């Protein structure tokens, strides 16, 4: 699927410290087995589970309490601490 190939490229480019030592074939298998694409509409809440990564492939998001928009392409990491979700305004697709 196209979104999986996009996620592989973004993983290598945006998180080289995490994925630089992982061979491309192993990364492809990991993404193929464990990735899903989800489309959100404006106002929905996105939650990135612990031990997961999100890749914003299209559109933008606005994190609750921040003025700046996060534009694609971007990596979305799980929140630290007691918060279980992040309220953001969304327009686009998240992988």
PDB file of N, CA and C in Angstrom:
ATOM      1  N   UNK A   1       0.837  -1.178   0.000  1.00  0.00           N
ATOM      2  CA  UNK A   1       0.000   0.000   0.000  1.00  0.00           C
ATOM      3  C   UNK A   1       0.887   1.248   0.000  1.00  0.00           C
ATOM      4  N   UNK A   2       0.397   2.286  -0.613  1.00  0.00           N
ATOM      5  CA  UNK A   2       1.173   3.514  -0.757  1.00  0.00           C
ATOM      6  C   UNK A   2       1.468   4.162   0.593  1.00  0.00           C
ATOM      7  N   UNK A   3       0.507   4.159   1.521  1.00  0.00           N
ATOM      8  CA  UNK A   3       0.747   4.807   2.800  1.00  0.00           C
ATOM      9  C   UNK A   3       1.868   4.114   3.560  1.00  0.00           C
ATOM     10  N   UNK A   4       2.015   2.816   3.394  1.00  0.00           N
ATOM     11  CA  UNK A   4       3.078   2.092   4.092  1.00  0.00           C
ATOM     12  C   UNK A   4       4.455   2.484   3.560  1.00  0.00           C
ATOM     13  N   UNK A   5       4.589   2.633   2.257  1.00  0.00           N
ATOM     14  CA  UNK A   5       5.862   3.072   1.692  1.00  0.00           C
ATOM     15  C   UNK A   5       6.180   4.497   2.148  1.00  0.00           C
ATOM     16  N   UNK A   6       5.155   5.335   2.249  1.00  0.00           N
ATOM     17  CA  UNK A   6       5.356   6.700   2.750  1.00  0.00           C
ATOM     18  C   UNK A   6       5.817   6.671   4.200  1.00  0.00           C
ATOM     19  N   UNK A   7       5.225   5.809   5.002  1.00  0.00           N
ATOM     20  CA  UNK A   7       5.603   5.690   6.409  1.00  0.00           C
ATOM     21  C   UNK A   7       7.043   5.215   6.554  1.00  0.00           C
ATOM     22  N   UNK A   8       7.486   4.318   5.696  1.00  0.00           N
ATOM     23  CA  UNK A   8       8.868   3.825   5.736  1.00  0.00           C
ATOM     24  C   UNK A   8       9.843   4.960   5.455  1.00  0.00           C
ATOM     25  N   UNK A   9       9.575   5.731   4.421  1.00  0.00           N
ATOM     26  CA  UNK A   9      10.446   6.857   4.070  1.00  0.00           C
ATOM     27  C   UNK A   9      10.465   7.881   5.200  1.00  0.00           C
ATOM     28  N   UNK A  10       9.291   8.205   5.735  1.00  0.00           N
ATOM     29  CA  UNK A  10       9.232   9.184   6.826  1.00  0.00           C
ATOM     30  C   UNK A  10       9.948   8.679   8.074  1.00  0.00           C
ATOM     31  N   UNK A  11       9.837   7.407   8.365  1.00  0.00           N
ATOM     32  CA  UNK A  11      10.525   6.847   9.524  1.00  0.00           C
ATOM     33  C   UNK A  11      12.032   7.025   9.380  1.00  0.00           C
ATOM     34  N   UNK A  12      12.550   6.733   8.219  1.00  0.00           N
ATOM     35  CA  UNK A  12      13.994   6.871   7.977  1.00  0.00           C
ATOM     36  C   UNK A  12      14.429   8.334   7.992  1.00  0.00           C
ATOM     37  N   UNK A  13      13.603   9.233   7.453  1.00  0.00           N
ATOM     38  CA  UNK A  13      13.974  10.649   7.367  1.00  0.00           C
ATOM     39  C   UNK A  13      13.742  11.421   8.661  1.00  0.00           C
ATOM     40  N   UNK A  14      12.604  11.189   9.306  1.00  0.00           N
ATOM     41  CA  UNK A  14      12.235  11.992  10.466  1.00  0.00           C
ATOM     42  C   UNK A  14      12.702  11.410  11.798  1.00  0.00           C
ATOM     43  N   UNK A  15      12.982  10.130  11.825  1.00  0.00           N
ATOM     44  CA  UNK A  15      13.455   9.484  13.058  1.00  0.00           C
ATOM     45  C   UNK A  15      14.696   8.629  12.791  1.00  0.00           C
ATOM     46  N   UNK A  16      15.738   9.229  12.228  1.00  0.00           N
ATOM     47  CA  UNK A  16      16.916   8.411  11.887  1.00  0.00           C
ATOM     48  C   UNK A  16      17.560   7.766  13.113  1.00  0.00           C
ATOM     49  N   UNK A  17      17.506   8.421  14.260  1.00  0.00           N
ATOM     50  CA  UNK A  17      18.118   7.860  15.469  1.00  0.00           C
ATOM     51  C   UNK A  17      17.436   6.577  15.906  1.00  0.00           C
ATOM     52  N   UNK A  18      16.193   6.379  15.529  1.00  0.00           N
ATOM     53  CA  UNK A  18      15.450   5.173  15.895  1.00  0.00           C
ATOM     54  C   UNK A  18      15.589   4.095  14.825  1.00  0.00           C
ATOM     55  N   UNK A  19      15.556   4.487  13.548  1.00  0.00           N
ATOM     56  CA  UNK A  19      15.466   3.520  12.462  1.00  0.00           C
ATOM     57  C   UNK A  19      16.715   3.390  11.594  1.00  0.00           C
ATOM     58  N   UNK A  20      17.777   4.134  11.889  1.00  0.00           N
ATOM     59  CA  UNK A  20      18.949   4.107  11.014  1.00  0.00           C
ATOM     60  C   UNK A  20      19.636   2.742  10.966  1.00  0.00           C
ATOM     61  N   UNK A  21      19.622   1.998  12.044  1.00  0.00           N
ATOM     62  CA  UNK A  21      20.309   0.705  12.084  1.00  0.00           C
ATOM     63  C   UNK A  21      19.415  -0.457  11.654  1.00  0.00           C
ATOM     64  N   UNK A  22      18.147  -0.200  11.484  1.00  0.00           N
ATOM     65  CA  UNK A  22      17.214  -1.251  11.072  1.00  0.00           C
ATOM     66  C   UNK A  22      17.277  -1.396   9.550  1.00  0.00           C
ATOM     67  N   UNK A  23      17.608  -2.578   9.059  1.00  0.00           N
ATOM     68  CA  UNK A  23      17.652  -2.770   7.607  1.00  0.00           C
ATOM     69  C   UNK A  23      16.288  -2.467   6.973  1.00  0.00           C
ATOM     70  N   UNK A  24      16.331  -1.969   5.762  1.00  0.00           N
ATOM     71  CA  UNK A  24      15.118  -1.564   5.057  1.00  0.00           C
ATOM     72  C   UNK A  24      14.113  -2.712   4.955  1.00  0.00           C
ATOM     73  N   UNK A  25      14.578  -3.922   4.684  1.00  0.00           N
ATOM     74  CA  UNK A  25      13.662  -5.058   4.567  1.00  0.00           C
ATOM     75  C   UNK A  25      12.948  -5.328   5.891  1.00  0.00           C
ATOM     76  N   UNK A  26      13.651  -5.231   7.007  1.00  0.00           N
ATOM     77  CA  UNK A  26      13.027  -5.444   8.312  1.00  0.00           C
ATOM     78  C   UNK A  26      12.018  -4.341   8.623  1.00  0.00           C
ATOM     79  N   UNK A  27      12.341  -3.118   8.252  1.00  0.00           N
ATOM     80  CA  UNK A  27      11.409  -2.005   8.448  1.00  0.00           C
ATOM     81  C   UNK A  27      10.156  -2.202   7.609  1.00  0.00           C
ATOM     82  N   UNK A  28      10.324  -2.677   6.386  1.00  0.00           N
ATOM     83  CA  UNK A  28       9.164  -2.960   5.518  1.00  0.00           C
ATOM     84  C   UNK A  28       8.256  -4.019   6.147  1.00  0.00           C
ATOM     85  N   UNK A  29       8.841  -5.056   6.691  1.00  0.00           N
ATOM     86  CA  UNK A  29       8.050  -6.118   7.323  1.00  0.00           C
ATOM     87  C   UNK A  29       7.323  -5.562   8.547  1.00  0.00           C
ATOM     88  N   UNK A  30       8.030  -4.797   9.361  1.00  0.00           N
ATOM     89  CA  UNK A  30       7.430  -4.207  10.552  1.00  0.00           C
ATOM     90  C   UNK A  30       6.236  -3.318  10.186  1.00  0.00           C
ATOM     91  N   UNK A  31       6.418  -2.462   9.199  1.00  0.00           N
ATOM     92  CA  UNK A  31       5.342  -1.563   8.776  1.00  0.00           C
ATOM     93  C   UNK A  31       4.193  -2.359   8.147  1.00  0.00           C
ATOM     94  N   UNK A  32       4.508  -3.347   7.349  1.00  0.00           N
ATOM     95  CA  UNK A  32       3.461  -4.141   6.688  1.00  0.00           C
ATOM     96  C   UNK A  32       2.609  -4.899   7.705  1.00  0.00           C
ATOM     97  N   UNK A  33       3.229  -5.397   8.755  1.00  0.00           N
ATOM     98  CA  UNK A  33       2.511  -6.209   9.728  1.00  0.00           C
ATOM     99  C   UNK A  33       1.758  -5.379  10.760  1.00  0.00           C
ATOM    100  N   UNK A  34       2.226  -4.192  11.065  1.00  0.00           N
ATOM    101  CA  UNK A  34       1.678  -3.470  12.215  1.00  0.00           C
ATOM    102  C   UNK A  34       1.087  -2.102  11.905  1.00  0.00           C
ATOM    103  N   UNK A  35       1.023  -1.706  10.667  1.00  0.00           N
ATOM    104  CA  UNK A  35       0.527  -0.361  10.391  1.00  0.00           C
ATOM    105  C   UNK A  35      -0.924  -0.369   9.931  1.00  0.00           C
ATOM    106  N   UNK A  36      -1.595   0.697  10.263  1.00  0.00           N
ATOM    107  CA  UNK A  36      -2.965   0.935   9.808  1.00  0.00           C
ATOM    108  C   UNK A  36      -3.069   2.399   9.420  1.00  0.00           C
ATOM    109  N   UNK A  37      -3.975   2.687   8.537  1.00  0.00           N
ATOM    110  CA  UNK A  37      -4.222   4.081   8.181  1.00  0.00           C
ATOM    111  C   UNK A  37      -5.588   4.463   8.720  1.00  0.00           C
ATOM    112  N   UNK A  38      -5.648   5.629   9.318  1.00  0.00           N
ATOM    113  CA  UNK A  38      -6.890   6.124   9.886  1.00  0.00           C
ATOM    114  C   UNK A  38      -7.106   7.546   9.382  1.00  0.00           C
ATOM    115  N   UNK A  39      -8.304   7.827   8.950  1.00  0.00           N
ATOM    116  CA  UNK A  39      -8.659   9.176   8.515  1.00  0.00           C
ATOM    117  C   UNK A  39      -9.512   9.808   9.610  1.00  0.00           C
ATOM    118  N   UNK A  40      -9.124  10.994  10.022  1.00  0.00           N
ATOM    119  CA  UNK A  40      -9.837  11.720  11.061  1.00  0.00           C
ATOM    120  C   UNK A  40     -10.523  12.933  10.453  1.00  0.00           C
ATOM    121  N   UNK A  41     -11.586  13.382  11.107  1.00  0.00           N
ATOM    122  CA  UNK A  41     -12.256  14.598  10.680  1.00  0.00           C
ATOM    123  C   UNK A  41     -11.997  15.687  11.716  1.00  0.00           C
ATOM    124  N   UNK A  42     -12.227  16.907  11.328  1.00  0.00           N
ATOM    125  CA  UNK A  42     -11.995  18.058  12.199  1.00  0.00           C
ATOM    126  C   UNK A  42     -12.681  17.854  13.549  1.00  0.00           C
ATOM    127  N   UNK A  43     -11.915  18.130  14.609  1.00  0.00           N
ATOM    128  CA  UNK A  43     -12.457  18.056  15.947  1.00  0.00           C
ATOM    129  C   UNK A  43     -12.273  16.718  16.645  1.00  0.00           C
ATOM    130  N   UNK A  44     -11.888  15.692  15.921  1.00  0.00           N
ATOM    131  CA  UNK A  44     -11.676  14.385  16.548  1.00  0.00           C
ATOM    132  C   UNK A  44     -10.396  14.403  17.377  1.00  0.00           C
ATOM    133  N   UNK A  45     -10.364  13.548  18.371  1.00  0.00           N
ATOM    134  CA  UNK A  45      -9.199  13.417  19.229  1.00  0.00           C
ATOM    135  C   UNK A  45      -8.344  12.252  18.736  1.00  0.00           C
ATOM    136  N   UNK A  46      -7.060  12.502  18.663  1.00  0.00           N
ATOM    137  CA  UNK A  46      -6.114  11.464  18.262  1.00  0.00           C
ATOM    138  C   UNK A  46      -5.371  10.999  19.492  1.00  0.00           C
ATOM    139  N   UNK A  47      -5.273   9.701  19.634  1.00  0.00           N
ATOM    140  CA  UNK A  47      -4.490   9.122  20.722  1.00  0.00           C
ATOM    141  C   UNK A  47      -3.462   8.183  20.109  1.00  0.00           C
ATOM    142  N   UNK A  48      -2.187   8.463  20.377  1.00  0.00           N
ATOM    143  CA  UNK A  48      -1.114   7.591  19.919  1.00  0.00           C
ATOM    144  C   UNK A  48      -0.764   6.681  21.101  1.00  0.00           C
ATOM    145  N   UNK A  49      -1.042   5.381  20.973  1.00  0.00           N
ATOM    146  CA  UNK A  49      -0.795   4.459  22.090  1.00  0.00           C
ATOM    147  C   UNK A  49       0.687   4.389  22.464  1.00  0.00           C
ATOM    148  N   UNK A  50       0.919   4.041  23.720  1.00  0.00           N
ATOM    149  CA  UNK A  50       2.272   3.818  24.205  1.00  0.00           C
ATOM    150  C   UNK A  50       2.945   2.763  23.317  1.00  0.00           C
ATOM    151  N   UNK A  51       4.215   2.902  23.031  1.00  0.00           N
ATOM    152  CA  UNK A  51       4.981   2.005  22.166  1.00  0.00           C
ATOM    153  C   UNK A  51       4.514   2.064  20.715  1.00  0.00           C
ATOM    154  N   UNK A  52       3.958   3.210  20.301  1.00  0.00           N
ATOM    155  CA  UNK A  52       3.515   3.392  18.921  1.00  0.00           C
ATOM    156  C   UNK A  52       3.997   4.735  18.416  1.00  0.00           C
ATOM    157  N   UNK A  53       3.959   4.887  17.109  1.00  0.00           N
ATOM    158  CA  UNK A  53       4.257   6.152  16.446  1.00  0.00           C
ATOM    159  C   UNK A  53       3.127   6.449  15.487  1.00  0.00           C
ATOM    160  N   UNK A  54       2.870   7.722  15.284  1.00  0.00           N
ATOM    161  CA  UNK A  54       1.926   8.133  14.265  1.00  0.00           C
ATOM    162  C   UNK A  54       2.663   8.975  13.242  1.00  0.00           C
ATOM    163  N   UNK A  55       2.290   8.840  11.997  1.00  0.00           N
ATOM    164  CA  UNK A  55       2.853   9.670  10.939  1.00  0.00           C
ATOM    165  C   UNK A  55       1.715  10.443  10.297  1.00  0.00           C
ATOM    166  N   UNK A  56       1.806  11.747  10.340  1.00  0.00           N
ATOM    167  CA  UNK A  56       0.824  12.598   9.668  1.00  0.00           C
ATOM    168  C   UNK A  56       1.245  12.693   8.212  1.00  0.00           C
ATOM    169  N   UNK A  57       0.457  12.083   7.330  1.00  0.00           N
ATOM    170  CA  UNK A  57       0.810  12.016   5.917  1.00  0.00           C
ATOM    171  C   UNK A  57       0.217  13.151   5.099  1.00  0.00           C
ATOM    172  N   UNK A  58      -0.887  13.683   5.573  1.00  0.00           N
ATOM    173  CA  UNK A  58      -1.586  14.711   4.804  1.00  0.00           C
ATOM    174  C   UNK A  58      -2.326  15.620   5.761  1.00  0.00           C
ATOM    175  N   UNK A  59      -2.364  16.903   5.470  1.00  0.00           N
ATOM    176  CA  UNK A  59      -3.132  17.832   6.277  1.00  0.00           C
ATOM    177  C   UNK A  59      -2.324  18.435   7.406  1.00  0.00           C
ATOM    178  N   UNK A  60      -3.029  18.791   8.466  1.00  0.00           N
ATOM    179  CA  UNK A  60      -2.394  19.423   9.613  1.00  0.00           C
ATOM    180  C   UNK A  60      -3.176  19.065  10.863  1.00  0.00           C
ATOM    181  N   UNK A  61      -2.532  19.286  12.018  1.00  0.00           N
ATOM    182  CA  UNK A  61      -3.210  19.113  13.294  1.00  0.00           C
ATOM    183  C   UNK A  61      -2.856  20.290  14.183  1.00  0.00           C
ATOM    184  N   UNK A  62      -3.699  20.515  15.148  1.00  0.00           N
ATOM    185  CA  UNK A  62      -3.461  21.559  16.141  1.00  0.00           C
ATOM    186  C   UNK A  62      -3.569  20.919  17.512  1.00  0.00           C
ATOM    187  N   UNK A  63      -2.467  20.954  18.243  1.00  0.00           N
ATOM    188  CA  UNK A  63      -2.459  20.362  19.582  1.00  0.00           C
ATOM    189  C   UNK A  63      -3.194  21.297  20.539  1.00  0.00           C
ATOM    190  N   UNK A  64      -3.983  20.715  21.416  1.00  0.00           N
ATOM    191  CA  UNK A  64      -4.744  21.474  22.404  1.00  0.00           C
ATOM    192  C   UNK A  64      -3.787  22.304  23.262  1.00  0.00           C
ATOM    193  N   UNK A  65      -4.049  23.593  23.363  1.00  0.00           N
ATOM    194  CA  UNK A  65      -3.229  24.461  24.192  1.00  0.00           C
ATOM    195  C   UNK A  65      -2.045  25.080  23.472  1.00  0.00           C
ATOM    196  N   UNK A  66      -1.864  24.779  22.183  1.00  0.00           N
ATOM    197  CA  UNK A  66      -0.762  25.343  21.416  1.00  0.00           C
ATOM    198  C   UNK A  66      -1.321  26.151  20.250  1.00  0.00           C
ATOM    199  N   UNK A  67      -0.615  27.195  19.878  1.00  0.00           N
ATOM    200  CA  UNK A  67      -1.042  28.040  18.769  1.00  0.00           C
ATOM    201  C   UNK A  67      -0.557  27.518  17.418  1.00  0.00           C
ATOM    202  N   UNK A  68       0.619  26.874  17.403  1.00  0.00           N
ATOM    203  CA  UNK A  68       1.220  26.435  16.152  1.00  0.00           C
ATOM    204  C   UNK A  68       0.532  25.186  15.612  1.00  0.00           C
ATOM    205  N   UNK A  69       0.437  25.120  14.293  1.00  0.00           N
ATOM    206  CA  UNK A  69      -0.085  23.930  13.637  1.00  0.00           C
ATOM    207  C   UNK A  69       1.067  22.974  13.356  1.00  0.00           C
ATOM    208  N   UNK A  70       0.770  21.707  13.398  1.00  0.00           N
ATOM    209  CA  UNK A  70       1.732  20.691  12.999  1.00  0.00           C
ATOM    210  C   UNK A  70       1.323  20.282  11.589  1.00  0.00           C
ATOM    211  N   UNK A  71       2.215  20.530  10.629  1.00  0.00           N
ATOM    212  CA  UNK A  71       1.907  20.239   9.230  1.00  0.00           C
ATOM    213  C   UNK A  71       2.549  18.922   8.808  1.00  0.00           C
ATOM    214  N   UNK A  72       1.936  18.293   7.833  1.00  0.00           N
ATOM    215  CA  UNK A  72       2.496  17.052   7.305  1.00  0.00           C
ATOM    216  C   UNK A  72       3.701  17.371   6.419  1.00  0.00           C
ATOM    217  N   UNK A  73       4.636  16.484   6.335  1.00  0.00           N
ATOM    218  CA  UNK A  73       4.755  15.225   7.055  1.00  0.00           C
ATOM    219  C   UNK A  73       5.271  15.470   8.468  1.00  0.00           C
ATOM    220  N   UNK A  74       4.806  14.675   9.395  1.00  0.00           N
ATOM    221  CA  UNK A  74       5.221  14.828  10.788  1.00  0.00           C
ATOM    222  C   UNK A  74       5.098  13.505  11.521  1.00  0.00           C
ATOM    223  N   UNK A  75       5.886  13.387  12.578  1.00  0.00           N
ATOM    224  CA  UNK A  75       5.813  12.227  13.465  1.00  0.00           C
ATOM    225  C   UNK A  75       5.003  12.638  14.679  1.00  0.00           C
ATOM    226  N   UNK A  76       4.097  11.792  15.105  1.00  0.00           N
ATOM    227  CA  UNK A  76       3.306  12.021  16.305  1.00  0.00           C
ATOM    228  C   UNK A  76       3.685  10.954  17.320  1.00  0.00           C
ATOM    229  N   UNK A  77       4.164  11.402  18.454  1.00  0.00           N
ATOM    230  CA  UNK A  77       4.617  10.496  19.501  1.00  0.00           C
ATOM    231  C   UNK A  77       3.582  10.418  20.603  1.00  0.00           C
ATOM    232  N   UNK A  78       3.577   9.321  21.363  1.00  0.00           N
ATOM    233  CA  UNK A  78       2.641   9.224  22.486  1.00  0.00           C
ATOM    234  C   UNK A  78       2.954  10.285  23.524  1.00  0.00           C
ATOM    235  N   UNK A  79       1.918  10.730  24.219  1.00  0.00           N
ATOM    236  CA  UNK A  79       2.112  11.698  25.299  1.00  0.00           C
ATOM    237  C   UNK A  79       2.736  11.011  26.495  1.00  0.00           C
ATOM    238  N   UNK A  80       3.542  11.754  27.211  1.00  0.00           N
ATOM    239  CA  UNK A  80       4.151  11.250  28.439  1.00  0.00           C
ATOM    240  C   UNK A  80       3.280  11.673  29.616  1.00  0.00           C
ATOM    241  N   UNK A  81       3.341  10.949  30.711  1.00  0.00           N
ATOM    242  CA  UNK A  81       2.613  11.346  31.906  1.00  0.00           C
ATOM    243  C   UNK A  81       1.259  10.696  31.998  1.00  0.00           C
ATOM    244  N   UNK A  82       0.368  11.360  32.745  1.00  0.00           N
ATOM    245  CA  UNK A  82      -0.944  10.792  33.047  1.00  0.00           C
ATOM    246  C   UNK A  82      -1.989  11.041  31.975  1.00  0.00           C
ATOM    247  N   UNK A  83      -1.685  11.896  30.999  1.00  0.00           N
ATOM    248  CA  UNK A  83      -2.678  12.180  29.980  1.00  0.00           C
ATOM    249  C   UNK A  83      -2.835  10.966  29.074  1.00  0.00           C
ATOM    250  N   UNK A  84      -4.072  10.604  28.788  1.00  0.00           N
ATOM    251  CA  UNK A  84      -4.299   9.432  27.950  1.00  0.00           C
ATOM    252  C   UNK A  84      -4.590   9.804  26.506  1.00  0.00           C
ATOM    253  N   UNK A  85      -4.900  11.055  26.243  1.00  0.00           N
ATOM    254  CA  UNK A  85      -5.147  11.458  24.866  1.00  0.00           C
ATOM    255  C   UNK A  85      -4.772  12.915  24.690  1.00  0.00           C
ATOM    256  N   UNK A  86      -4.634  13.289  23.453  1.00  0.00           N
ATOM    257  CA  UNK A  86      -4.266  14.653  23.107  1.00  0.00           C
ATOM    258  C   UNK A  86      -5.405  15.229  22.270  1.00  0.00           C
ATOM    259  N   UNK A  87      -5.987  16.327  22.710  1.00  0.00           N
ATOM    260  CA  UNK A  87      -7.061  16.949  21.964  1.00  0.00           C
ATOM    261  C   UNK A  87      -6.455  17.808  20.875  1.00  0.00           C
ATOM    262  N   UNK A  88      -6.700  17.437  19.626  1.00  0.00           N
ATOM    263  CA  UNK A  88      -6.160  18.200  18.523  1.00  0.00           C
ATOM    264  C   UNK A  88      -7.220  18.356  17.449  1.00  0.00           C
ATOM    265  N   UNK A  89      -7.077  19.423  16.716  1.00  0.00           N
ATOM    266  CA  UNK A  89      -7.961  19.664  15.597  1.00  0.00           C
ATOM    267  C   UNK A  89      -7.286  19.081  14.379  1.00  0.00           C
ATOM    268  N   UNK A  90      -7.997  18.317  13.606  1.00  0.00           N
ATOM    269  CA  UNK A  90      -7.368  17.553  12.535  1.00  0.00           C
ATOM    270  C   UNK A  90      -8.000  17.845  11.184  1.00  0.00           C
ATOM    271  N   UNK A  91      -7.177  17.832  10.180  1.00  0.00           N
ATOM    272  CA  UNK A  91      -7.645  17.864   8.804  1.00  0.00           C
ATOM    273  C   UNK A  91      -6.659  17.013   8.014  1.00  0.00           C
ATOM    274  N   UNK A  92      -6.996  15.798   7.691  1.00  0.00           N
ATOM    275  CA  UNK A  92      -6.092  14.967   6.913  1.00  0.00           C
ATOM    276  C   UNK A  92      -6.082  13.517   7.371  1.00  0.00           C
ATOM    277  N   UNK A  93      -5.042  12.814   6.949  1.00  0.00           N
ATOM    278  CA  UNK A  93      -4.899  11.392   7.214  1.00  0.00           C
ATOM    279  C   UNK A  93      -3.726  11.144   8.137  1.00  0.00           C
ATOM    280  N   UNK A  94      -3.873  10.204   9.016  1.00  0.00           N
ATOM    281  CA  UNK A  94      -2.817   9.810   9.931  1.00  0.00           C
ATOM    282  C   UNK A  94      -2.541   8.342   9.734  1.00  0.00           C
ATOM    283  N   UNK A  95      -1.278   8.005   9.659  1.00  0.00           N
ATOM    284  CA  UNK A  95      -0.898   6.595   9.534  1.00  0.00           C
ATOM    285  C   UNK A  95      -0.352   6.149  10.859  1.00  0.00           C
TER     286      UNK A  95
END
